[in-house]
């Protein structure tokens, strides 16, 4: 969840002359501890299906959830990630 939130706001990877411009953490922004939610509620559904993973499935829906939360709080739709640059411009 936190990784998805961080990617939603900051996950930009740009390229120049066919190579990634971000080479390490000094120029690739990640979410910081103080920016992450203090609590996250997680529920598991009991069923007879063998588990295939618990970390990756929630990643994609986070992007839409954050976009909807931003719309509800700002009244503006956000379509292009990362959202952090658009929030500064708003």
PDB file of N, CA and C in Angstrom:
ATOM      1  N   UNK A   1       0.824  -1.189   0.000  1.00  0.00           N
ATOM      2  CA  UNK A   1       0.000   0.000   0.000  1.00  0.00           C
ATOM      3  C   UNK A   1       0.871   1.258   0.000  1.00  0.00           C
ATOM      4  N   UNK A   2       1.842   1.285   0.889  1.00  0.00           N
ATOM      5  CA  UNK A   2       2.698   2.473   0.999  1.00  0.00           C
ATOM      6  C   UNK A   2       3.515   2.657  -0.275  1.00  0.00           C
ATOM      7  N   UNK A   3       3.998   1.568  -0.849  1.00  0.00           N
ATOM      8  CA  UNK A   3       4.749   1.660  -2.102  1.00  0.00           C
ATOM      9  C   UNK A   3       3.865   2.220  -3.212  1.00  0.00           C
ATOM     10  N   UNK A   4       2.625   1.792  -3.257  1.00  0.00           N
ATOM     11  CA  UNK A   4       1.693   2.310  -4.256  1.00  0.00           C
ATOM     12  C   UNK A   4       1.410   3.793  -4.074  1.00  0.00           C
ATOM     13  N   UNK A   5       1.236   4.222  -2.833  1.00  0.00           N
ATOM     14  CA  UNK A   5       1.015   5.649  -2.551  1.00  0.00           C
ATOM     15  C   UNK A   5       2.238   6.452  -2.970  1.00  0.00           C
ATOM     16  N   UNK A   6       3.412   5.951  -2.638  1.00  0.00           N
ATOM     17  CA  UNK A   6       4.649   6.642  -3.020  1.00  0.00           C
ATOM     18  C   UNK A   6       4.808   6.747  -4.522  1.00  0.00           C
ATOM     19  N   UNK A   7       4.511   5.667  -5.239  1.00  0.00           N
ATOM     20  CA  UNK A   7       4.603   5.709  -6.695  1.00  0.00           C
ATOM     21  C   UNK A   7       3.569   6.642  -7.298  1.00  0.00           C
ATOM     22  N   UNK A   8       2.400   6.700  -6.694  1.00  0.00           N
ATOM     23  CA  UNK A   8       1.359   7.597  -7.185  1.00  0.00           C
ATOM     24  C   UNK A   8       1.803   9.058  -7.131  1.00  0.00           C
ATOM     25  N   UNK A   9       2.465   9.434  -6.050  1.00  0.00           N
ATOM     26  CA  UNK A   9       2.891  10.823  -5.892  1.00  0.00           C
ATOM     27  C   UNK A   9       4.250  11.131  -6.515  1.00  0.00           C
ATOM     28  N   UNK A  10       5.184  10.194  -6.469  1.00  0.00           N
ATOM     29  CA  UNK A  10       6.569  10.518  -6.829  1.00  0.00           C
ATOM     30  C   UNK A  10       7.193   9.641  -7.887  1.00  0.00           C
ATOM     31  N   UNK A  11       6.553   8.566  -8.300  1.00  0.00           N
ATOM     32  CA  UNK A  11       7.185   7.566  -9.160  1.00  0.00           C
ATOM     33  C   UNK A  11       7.407   7.992 -10.591  1.00  0.00           C
ATOM     34  N   UNK A  12       8.340   8.869 -10.818  1.00  0.00           N
ATOM     35  CA  UNK A  12       8.658   9.311 -12.173  1.00  0.00           C
ATOM     36  C   UNK A  12      10.000   8.735 -12.600  1.00  0.00           C
ATOM     37  N   UNK A  13      10.013   8.093 -13.749  1.00  0.00           N
ATOM     38  CA  UNK A  13      11.248   7.599 -14.337  1.00  0.00           C
ATOM     39  C   UNK A  13      11.330   8.185 -15.729  1.00  0.00           C
ATOM     40  N   UNK A  14      12.290   9.056 -15.944  1.00  0.00           N
ATOM     41  CA  UNK A  14      12.441   9.721 -17.235  1.00  0.00           C
ATOM     42  C   UNK A  14      13.670   9.176 -17.952  1.00  0.00           C
ATOM     43  N   UNK A  15      13.660   9.338 -19.257  1.00  0.00           N
ATOM     44  CA  UNK A  15      14.755   8.823 -20.084  1.00  0.00           C
ATOM     45  C   UNK A  15      15.320   9.922 -20.973  1.00  0.00           C
ATOM     46  N   UNK A  16      16.601   9.815 -21.221  1.00  0.00           N
ATOM     47  CA  UNK A  16      17.276  10.751 -22.119  1.00  0.00           C
ATOM     48  C   UNK A  16      18.287   9.950 -22.930  1.00  0.00           C
ATOM     49  N   UNK A  17      18.215  10.082 -24.224  1.00  0.00           N
ATOM     50  CA  UNK A  17      19.098   9.340 -25.132  1.00  0.00           C
ATOM     51  C   UNK A  17      19.038   7.836 -24.870  1.00  0.00           C
ATOM     52  N   UNK A  18      17.862   7.326 -24.562  1.00  0.00           N
ATOM     53  CA  UNK A  18      17.666   5.901 -24.376  1.00  0.00           C
ATOM     54  C   UNK A  18      18.072   5.348 -23.026  1.00  0.00           C
ATOM     55  N   UNK A  19      18.485   6.201 -22.103  1.00  0.00           N
ATOM     56  CA  UNK A  19      18.900   5.728 -20.776  1.00  0.00           C
ATOM     57  C   UNK A  19      18.081   6.421 -19.692  1.00  0.00           C
ATOM     58  N   UNK A  20      17.841   5.706 -18.607  1.00  0.00           N
ATOM     59  CA  UNK A  20      17.108   6.293 -17.485  1.00  0.00           C
ATOM     60  C   UNK A  20      17.928   7.413 -16.858  1.00  0.00           C
ATOM     61  N   UNK A  21      17.271   8.530 -16.573  1.00  0.00           N
ATOM     62  CA  UNK A  21      17.968   9.663 -15.941  1.00  0.00           C
ATOM     63  C   UNK A  21      18.104   9.460 -14.437  1.00  0.00           C
ATOM     64  N   UNK A  22      17.228   8.671 -13.846  1.00  0.00           N
ATOM     65  CA  UNK A  22      17.309   8.397 -12.423  1.00  0.00           C
ATOM     66  C   UNK A  22      18.134   7.116 -12.242  1.00  0.00           C
ATOM     67  N   UNK A  23      19.278   7.243 -11.578  1.00  0.00           N
ATOM     68  CA  UNK A  23      20.190   6.109 -11.473  1.00  0.00           C
ATOM     69  C   UNK A  23      20.212   5.485 -10.078  1.00  0.00           C
ATOM     70  N   UNK A  24      19.752   6.218  -9.066  1.00  0.00           N
ATOM     71  CA  UNK A  24      19.765   5.690  -7.714  1.00  0.00           C
ATOM     72  C   UNK A  24      18.863   6.559  -6.847  1.00  0.00           C
ATOM     73  N   UNK A  25      18.879   6.332  -5.554  1.00  0.00           N
ATOM     74  CA  UNK A  25      17.958   7.027  -4.661  1.00  0.00           C
ATOM     75  C   UNK A  25      18.273   8.515  -4.495  1.00  0.00           C
ATOM     76  N   UNK A  26      19.425   8.977  -4.912  1.00  0.00           N
ATOM     77  CA  UNK A  26      19.727  10.409  -4.797  1.00  0.00           C
ATOM     78  C   UNK A  26      18.917  11.229  -5.802  1.00  0.00           C
ATOM     79  N   UNK A  27      18.444  10.601  -6.880  1.00  0.00           N
ATOM     80  CA  UNK A  27      17.630  11.356  -7.836  1.00  0.00           C
ATOM     81  C   UNK A  27      16.364  10.598  -8.264  1.00  0.00           C
ATOM     82  N   UNK A  28      15.953   9.632  -7.457  1.00  0.00           N
ATOM     83  CA  UNK A  28      14.656   8.961  -7.645  1.00  0.00           C
ATOM     84  C   UNK A  28      13.910   9.060  -6.322  1.00  0.00           C
ATOM     85  N   UNK A  29      12.837   9.811  -6.331  1.00  0.00           N
ATOM     86  CA  UNK A  29      12.108  10.138  -5.102  1.00  0.00           C
ATOM     87  C   UNK A  29      11.229   8.996  -4.652  1.00  0.00           C
ATOM     88  N   UNK A  30      11.350   8.601  -3.396  1.00  0.00           N
ATOM     89  CA  UNK A  30      10.485   7.613  -2.761  1.00  0.00           C
ATOM     90  C   UNK A  30       9.667   8.289  -1.668  1.00  0.00           C
ATOM     91  N   UNK A  31       8.584   7.654  -1.286  1.00  0.00           N
ATOM     92  CA  UNK A  31       7.792   8.172  -0.177  1.00  0.00           C
ATOM     93  C   UNK A  31       8.615   8.073   1.104  1.00  0.00           C
ATOM     94  N   UNK A  32       8.462   9.054   1.967  1.00  0.00           N
ATOM     95  CA  UNK A  32       9.192   9.074   3.234  1.00  0.00           C
ATOM     96  C   UNK A  32       8.271   8.618   4.368  1.00  0.00           C
ATOM     97  N   UNK A  33       8.880   8.175   5.444  1.00  0.00           N
ATOM     98  CA  UNK A  33       8.094   7.654   6.565  1.00  0.00           C
ATOM     99  C   UNK A  33       7.051   8.645   7.057  1.00  0.00           C
ATOM    100  N   UNK A  34       7.414   9.920   7.138  1.00  0.00           N
ATOM    101  CA  UNK A  34       6.465  10.903   7.655  1.00  0.00           C
ATOM    102  C   UNK A  34       5.334  11.211   6.666  1.00  0.00           C
ATOM    103  N   UNK A  35       5.440  10.739   5.434  1.00  0.00           N
ATOM    104  CA  UNK A  35       4.397  10.956   4.432  1.00  0.00           C
ATOM    105  C   UNK A  35       3.439   9.757   4.334  1.00  0.00           C
ATOM    106  N   UNK A  36       3.838   8.642   4.886  1.00  0.00           N
ATOM    107  CA  UNK A  36       3.023   7.426   4.815  1.00  0.00           C
ATOM    108  C   UNK A  36       1.898   7.488   5.849  1.00  0.00           C
ATOM    109  N   UNK A  37       0.793   6.821   5.554  1.00  0.00           N
ATOM    110  CA  UNK A  37      -0.297   6.773   6.539  1.00  0.00           C
ATOM    111  C   UNK A  37       0.171   6.118   7.839  1.00  0.00           C
ATOM    112  N   UNK A  38      -0.325   6.612   8.951  1.00  0.00           N
ATOM    113  CA  UNK A  38       0.054   6.035  10.236  1.00  0.00           C
ATOM    114  C   UNK A  38      -0.599   4.674  10.443  1.00  0.00           C
ATOM    115  N   UNK A  39      -1.772   4.480   9.884  1.00  0.00           N
ATOM    116  CA  UNK A  39      -2.444   3.180   9.986  1.00  0.00           C
ATOM    117  C   UNK A  39      -3.047   2.821   8.633  1.00  0.00           C
ATOM    118  N   UNK A  40      -3.071   1.538   8.361  1.00  0.00           N
ATOM    119  CA  UNK A  40      -3.712   1.008   7.163  1.00  0.00           C
ATOM    120  C   UNK A  40      -4.488  -0.227   7.601  1.00  0.00           C
ATOM    121  N   UNK A  41      -5.772  -0.262   7.295  1.00  0.00           N
ATOM    122  CA  UNK A  41      -6.584  -1.423   7.642  1.00  0.00           C
ATOM    123  C   UNK A  41      -6.519  -2.435   6.512  1.00  0.00           C
ATOM    124  N   UNK A  42      -6.243  -3.668   6.855  1.00  0.00           N
ATOM    125  CA  UNK A  42      -6.140  -4.743   5.878  1.00  0.00           C
ATOM    126  C   UNK A  42      -7.055  -5.879   6.300  1.00  0.00           C
ATOM    127  N   UNK A  43      -7.788  -6.409   5.355  1.00  0.00           N
ATOM    128  CA  UNK A  43      -8.689  -7.524   5.620  1.00  0.00           C
ATOM    129  C   UNK A  43      -8.378  -8.655   4.645  1.00  0.00           C
ATOM    130  N   UNK A  44      -8.324  -9.855   5.162  1.00  0.00           N
ATOM    131  CA  UNK A  44      -8.119 -11.036   4.334  1.00  0.00           C
ATOM    132  C   UNK A  44      -9.415 -11.826   4.268  1.00  0.00           C
ATOM    133  N   UNK A  45      -9.747 -12.279   3.096  1.00  0.00           N
ATOM    134  CA  UNK A  45     -10.955 -13.070   2.899  1.00  0.00           C
ATOM    135  C   UNK A  45     -10.579 -14.540   3.007  1.00  0.00           C
ATOM    136  N   UNK A  46     -11.213 -15.233   3.927  1.00  0.00           N
ATOM    137  CA  UNK A  46     -10.963 -16.665   4.062  1.00  0.00           C
ATOM    138  C   UNK A  46     -11.697 -17.410   2.961  1.00  0.00           C
ATOM    139  N   UNK A  47     -10.943 -18.273   2.261  1.00  0.00           N
ATOM    140  CA  UNK A  47     -11.556 -19.115   1.234  1.00  0.00           C
ATOM    141  C   UNK A  47     -10.678 -20.348   1.042  1.00  0.00           C
ATOM    142  N   UNK A  48     -11.054 -21.191   0.121  1.00  0.00           N
ATOM    143  CA  UNK A  48     -10.319 -22.436  -0.125  1.00  0.00           C
ATOM    144  C   UNK A  48      -9.298 -22.306  -1.250  1.00  0.00           C
ATOM    145  N   UNK A  49      -9.066 -21.110  -1.740  1.00  0.00           N
ATOM    146  CA  UNK A  49      -8.113 -20.891  -2.825  1.00  0.00           C
ATOM    147  C   UNK A  49      -6.722 -20.697  -2.224  1.00  0.00           C
ATOM    148  N   UNK A  50      -5.731 -21.385  -2.790  1.00  0.00           N
ATOM    149  CA  UNK A  50      -4.360 -21.228  -2.316  1.00  0.00           C
ATOM    150  C   UNK A  50      -3.892 -19.795  -2.535  1.00  0.00           C
ATOM    151  N   UNK A  51      -3.215 -19.203  -1.551  1.00  0.00           N
ATOM    152  CA  UNK A  51      -2.728 -17.829  -1.718  1.00  0.00           C
ATOM    153  C   UNK A  51      -1.641 -17.750  -2.785  1.00  0.00           C
ATOM    154  N   UNK A  52      -1.638 -16.672  -3.529  1.00  0.00           N
ATOM    155  CA  UNK A  52      -0.628 -16.464  -4.574  1.00  0.00           C
ATOM    156  C   UNK A  52       0.219 -15.235  -4.290  1.00  0.00           C
ATOM    157  N   UNK A  53      -0.050 -14.526  -3.240  1.00  0.00           N
ATOM    158  CA  UNK A  53       0.706 -13.333  -2.913  1.00  0.00           C
ATOM    159  C   UNK A  53      -0.150 -12.359  -2.142  1.00  0.00           C
ATOM    160  N   UNK A  54       0.450 -11.649  -1.220  1.00  0.00           N
ATOM    161  CA  UNK A  54      -0.297 -10.669  -0.438  1.00  0.00           C
ATOM    162  C   UNK A  54       0.244  -9.262  -0.617  1.00  0.00           C
ATOM    163  N   UNK A  55       1.421  -9.113  -1.208  1.00  0.00           N
ATOM    164  CA  UNK A  55       2.025  -7.801  -1.344  1.00  0.00           C
ATOM    165  C   UNK A  55       1.678  -7.100  -2.641  1.00  0.00           C
ATOM    166  N   UNK A  56       1.635  -7.839  -3.742  1.00  0.00           N
ATOM    167  CA  UNK A  56       1.441  -7.219  -5.045  1.00  0.00           C
ATOM    168  C   UNK A  56      -0.014  -6.907  -5.408  1.00  0.00           C
ATOM    169  N   UNK A  57      -0.996  -7.747  -5.058  1.00  0.00           N
ATOM    170  CA  UNK A  57      -2.372  -7.467  -5.496  1.00  0.00           C
ATOM    171  C   UNK A  57      -2.914  -6.090  -5.115  1.00  0.00           C
ATOM    172  N   UNK A  58      -2.593  -5.519  -3.940  1.00  0.00           N
ATOM    173  CA  UNK A  58      -3.167  -4.201  -3.636  1.00  0.00           C
ATOM    174  C   UNK A  58      -2.480  -3.048  -4.354  1.00  0.00           C
ATOM    175  N   UNK A  59      -1.351  -3.283  -5.008  1.00  0.00           N
ATOM    176  CA  UNK A  59      -0.594  -2.188  -5.626  1.00  0.00           C
ATOM    177  C   UNK A  59      -1.386  -1.427  -6.696  1.00  0.00           C
ATOM    178  N   UNK A  60      -1.925  -2.056  -7.737  1.00  0.00           N
ATOM    179  CA  UNK A  60      -2.618  -1.291  -8.790  1.00  0.00           C
ATOM    180  C   UNK A  60      -3.821  -0.481  -8.325  1.00  0.00           C
ATOM    181  N   UNK A  61      -4.698  -1.001  -7.443  1.00  0.00           N
ATOM    182  CA  UNK A  61      -5.859  -0.200  -7.051  1.00  0.00           C
ATOM    183  C   UNK A  61      -5.510   1.064  -6.268  1.00  0.00           C
ATOM    184  N   UNK A  62      -4.319   1.124  -5.693  1.00  0.00           N
ATOM    185  CA  UNK A  62      -3.925   2.302  -4.907  1.00  0.00           C
ATOM    186  C   UNK A  62      -3.935   3.553  -5.778  1.00  0.00           C
ATOM    187  N   UNK A  63      -3.500   3.443  -7.035  1.00  0.00           N
ATOM    188  CA  UNK A  63      -3.416   4.615  -7.910  1.00  0.00           C
ATOM    189  C   UNK A  63      -4.785   5.260  -8.108  1.00  0.00           C
ATOM    190  N   UNK A  64      -5.799   4.449  -8.387  1.00  0.00           N
ATOM    191  CA  UNK A  64      -7.150   4.976  -8.548  1.00  0.00           C
ATOM    192  C   UNK A  64      -7.724   5.502  -7.244  1.00  0.00           C
ATOM    193  N   UNK A  65      -7.426   4.818  -6.145  1.00  0.00           N
ATOM    194  CA  UNK A  65      -7.930   5.258  -4.839  1.00  0.00           C
ATOM    195  C   UNK A  65      -7.358   6.618  -4.466  1.00  0.00           C
ATOM    196  N   UNK A  66      -6.068   6.821  -4.703  1.00  0.00           N
ATOM    197  CA  UNK A  66      -5.445   8.119  -4.402  1.00  0.00           C
ATOM    198  C   UNK A  66      -6.019   9.195  -5.321  1.00  0.00           C
ATOM    199  N   UNK A  67      -6.191   8.871  -6.599  1.00  0.00           N
ATOM    200  CA  UNK A  67      -6.769   9.854  -7.533  1.00  0.00           C
ATOM    201  C   UNK A  67      -8.172  10.260  -7.095  1.00  0.00           C
ATOM    202  N   UNK A  68      -8.974   9.299  -6.653  1.00  0.00           N
ATOM    203  CA  UNK A  68     -10.324   9.621  -6.179  1.00  0.00           C
ATOM    204  C   UNK A  68     -10.300  10.433  -4.889  1.00  0.00           C
ATOM    205  N   UNK A  69      -9.373  10.111  -3.988  1.00  0.00           N
ATOM    206  CA  UNK A  69      -9.261  10.879  -2.741  1.00  0.00           C
ATOM    207  C   UNK A  69      -8.842  12.320  -3.035  1.00  0.00           C
ATOM    208  N   UNK A  70      -7.928  12.498  -3.979  1.00  0.00           N
ATOM    209  CA  UNK A  70      -7.513  13.860  -4.352  1.00  0.00           C
ATOM    210  C   UNK A  70      -8.681  14.627  -4.974  1.00  0.00           C
ATOM    211  N   UNK A  71      -9.455  13.949  -5.805  1.00  0.00           N
ATOM    212  CA  UNK A  71     -10.620  14.608  -6.403  1.00  0.00           C
ATOM    213  C   UNK A  71     -11.613  15.037  -5.333  1.00  0.00           C
ATOM    214  N   UNK A  72     -11.841  14.156  -4.383  1.00  0.00           N
ATOM    215  CA  UNK A  72     -12.800  14.479  -3.317  1.00  0.00           C
ATOM    216  C   UNK A  72     -12.317  15.651  -2.471  1.00  0.00           C
ATOM    217  N   UNK A  73     -11.011  15.745  -2.251  1.00  0.00           N
ATOM    218  CA  UNK A  73     -10.492  16.815  -1.391  1.00  0.00           C
ATOM    219  C   UNK A  73     -10.198  18.110  -2.143  1.00  0.00           C
ATOM    220  N   UNK A  74      -9.919  18.033  -3.464  1.00  0.00           N
ATOM    221  CA  UNK A  74      -9.557  19.249  -4.203  1.00  0.00           C
ATOM    222  C   UNK A  74     -10.588  19.661  -5.243  1.00  0.00           C
ATOM    223  N   UNK A  75     -11.442  18.713  -5.659  1.00  0.00           N
ATOM    224  CA  UNK A  75     -12.396  19.002  -6.725  1.00  0.00           C
ATOM    225  C   UNK A  75     -11.763  18.942  -8.102  1.00  0.00           C
ATOM    226  N   UNK A  76     -10.496  18.560  -8.189  1.00  0.00           N
ATOM    227  CA  UNK A  76      -9.774  18.481  -9.464  1.00  0.00           C
ATOM    228  C   UNK A  76      -9.438  17.025  -9.768  1.00  0.00           C
ATOM    229  N   UNK A  77      -9.616  16.622 -11.022  1.00  0.00           N
ATOM    230  CA  UNK A  77      -9.270  15.265 -11.447  1.00  0.00           C
ATOM    231  C   UNK A  77      -7.774  15.202 -11.768  1.00  0.00           C
ATOM    232  N   UNK A  78      -7.147  14.133 -11.335  1.00  0.00           N
ATOM    233  CA  UNK A  78      -5.734  13.884 -11.613  1.00  0.00           C
ATOM    234  C   UNK A  78      -5.645  12.622 -12.464  1.00  0.00           C
ATOM    235  N   UNK A  79      -5.072  12.762 -13.655  1.00  0.00           N
ATOM    236  CA  UNK A  79      -5.019  11.652 -14.592  1.00  0.00           C
ATOM    237  C   UNK A  79      -3.598  11.154 -14.855  1.00  0.00           C
ATOM    238  N   UNK A  80      -2.617  12.012 -14.701  1.00  0.00           N
ATOM    239  CA  UNK A  80      -1.242  11.669 -15.045  1.00  0.00           C
ATOM    240  C   UNK A  80      -0.384  11.605 -13.801  1.00  0.00           C
ATOM    241  N   UNK A  81       0.293  10.489 -13.628  1.00  0.00           N
ATOM    242  CA  UNK A  81       1.171  10.331 -12.472  1.00  0.00           C
ATOM    243  C   UNK A  81       2.596  10.680 -12.864  1.00  0.00           C
ATOM    244  N   UNK A  82       3.394  11.110 -11.947  1.00  0.00           N
ATOM    245  CA  UNK A  82       3.130  11.280 -10.520  1.00  0.00           C
ATOM    246  C   UNK A  82       2.303  12.543 -10.240  1.00  0.00           C
ATOM    247  N   UNK A  83       1.532  12.482  -9.179  1.00  0.00           N
ATOM    248  CA  UNK A  83       0.610  13.560  -8.842  1.00  0.00           C
ATOM    249  C   UNK A  83       1.278  14.723  -8.108  1.00  0.00           C
ATOM    250  N   UNK A  84       2.415  14.511  -7.485  1.00  0.00           N
ATOM    251  CA  UNK A  84       3.027  15.546  -6.638  1.00  0.00           C
ATOM    252  C   UNK A  84       3.267  16.837  -7.407  1.00  0.00           C
ATOM    253  N   UNK A  85       3.757  16.760  -8.635  1.00  0.00           N
ATOM    254  CA  UNK A  85       4.012  17.981  -9.407  1.00  0.00           C
ATOM    255  C   UNK A  85       2.736  18.731  -9.725  1.00  0.00           C
ATOM    256  N   UNK A  86       1.646  18.008  -9.942  1.00  0.00           N
ATOM    257  CA  UNK A  86       0.374  18.645 -10.238  1.00  0.00           C
ATOM    258  C   UNK A  86      -0.228  19.311  -9.015  1.00  0.00           C
ATOM    259  N   UNK A  87       0.036  18.769  -7.833  1.00  0.00           N
ATOM    260  CA  UNK A  87      -0.466  19.371  -6.594  1.00  0.00           C
ATOM    261  C   UNK A  87       0.205  20.710  -6.338  1.00  0.00           C
ATOM    262  N   UNK A  88       1.470  20.844  -6.670  1.00  0.00           N
ATOM    263  CA  UNK A  88       2.186  22.100  -6.497  1.00  0.00           C
ATOM    264  C   UNK A  88       1.610  23.173  -7.406  1.00  0.00           C
ATOM    265  N   UNK A  89       1.241  22.757  -8.628  1.00  0.00           N
ATOM    266  CA  UNK A  89       0.707  23.693  -9.624  1.00  0.00           C
ATOM    267  C   UNK A  89      -0.725  24.098  -9.336  1.00  0.00           C
ATOM    268  N   UNK A  90      -1.452  23.271  -8.570  1.00  0.00           N
ATOM    269  CA  UNK A  90      -2.889  23.525  -8.337  1.00  0.00           C
ATOM    270  C   UNK A  90      -3.126  24.797  -7.577  1.00  0.00           C
TER     271      UNK A  90
END
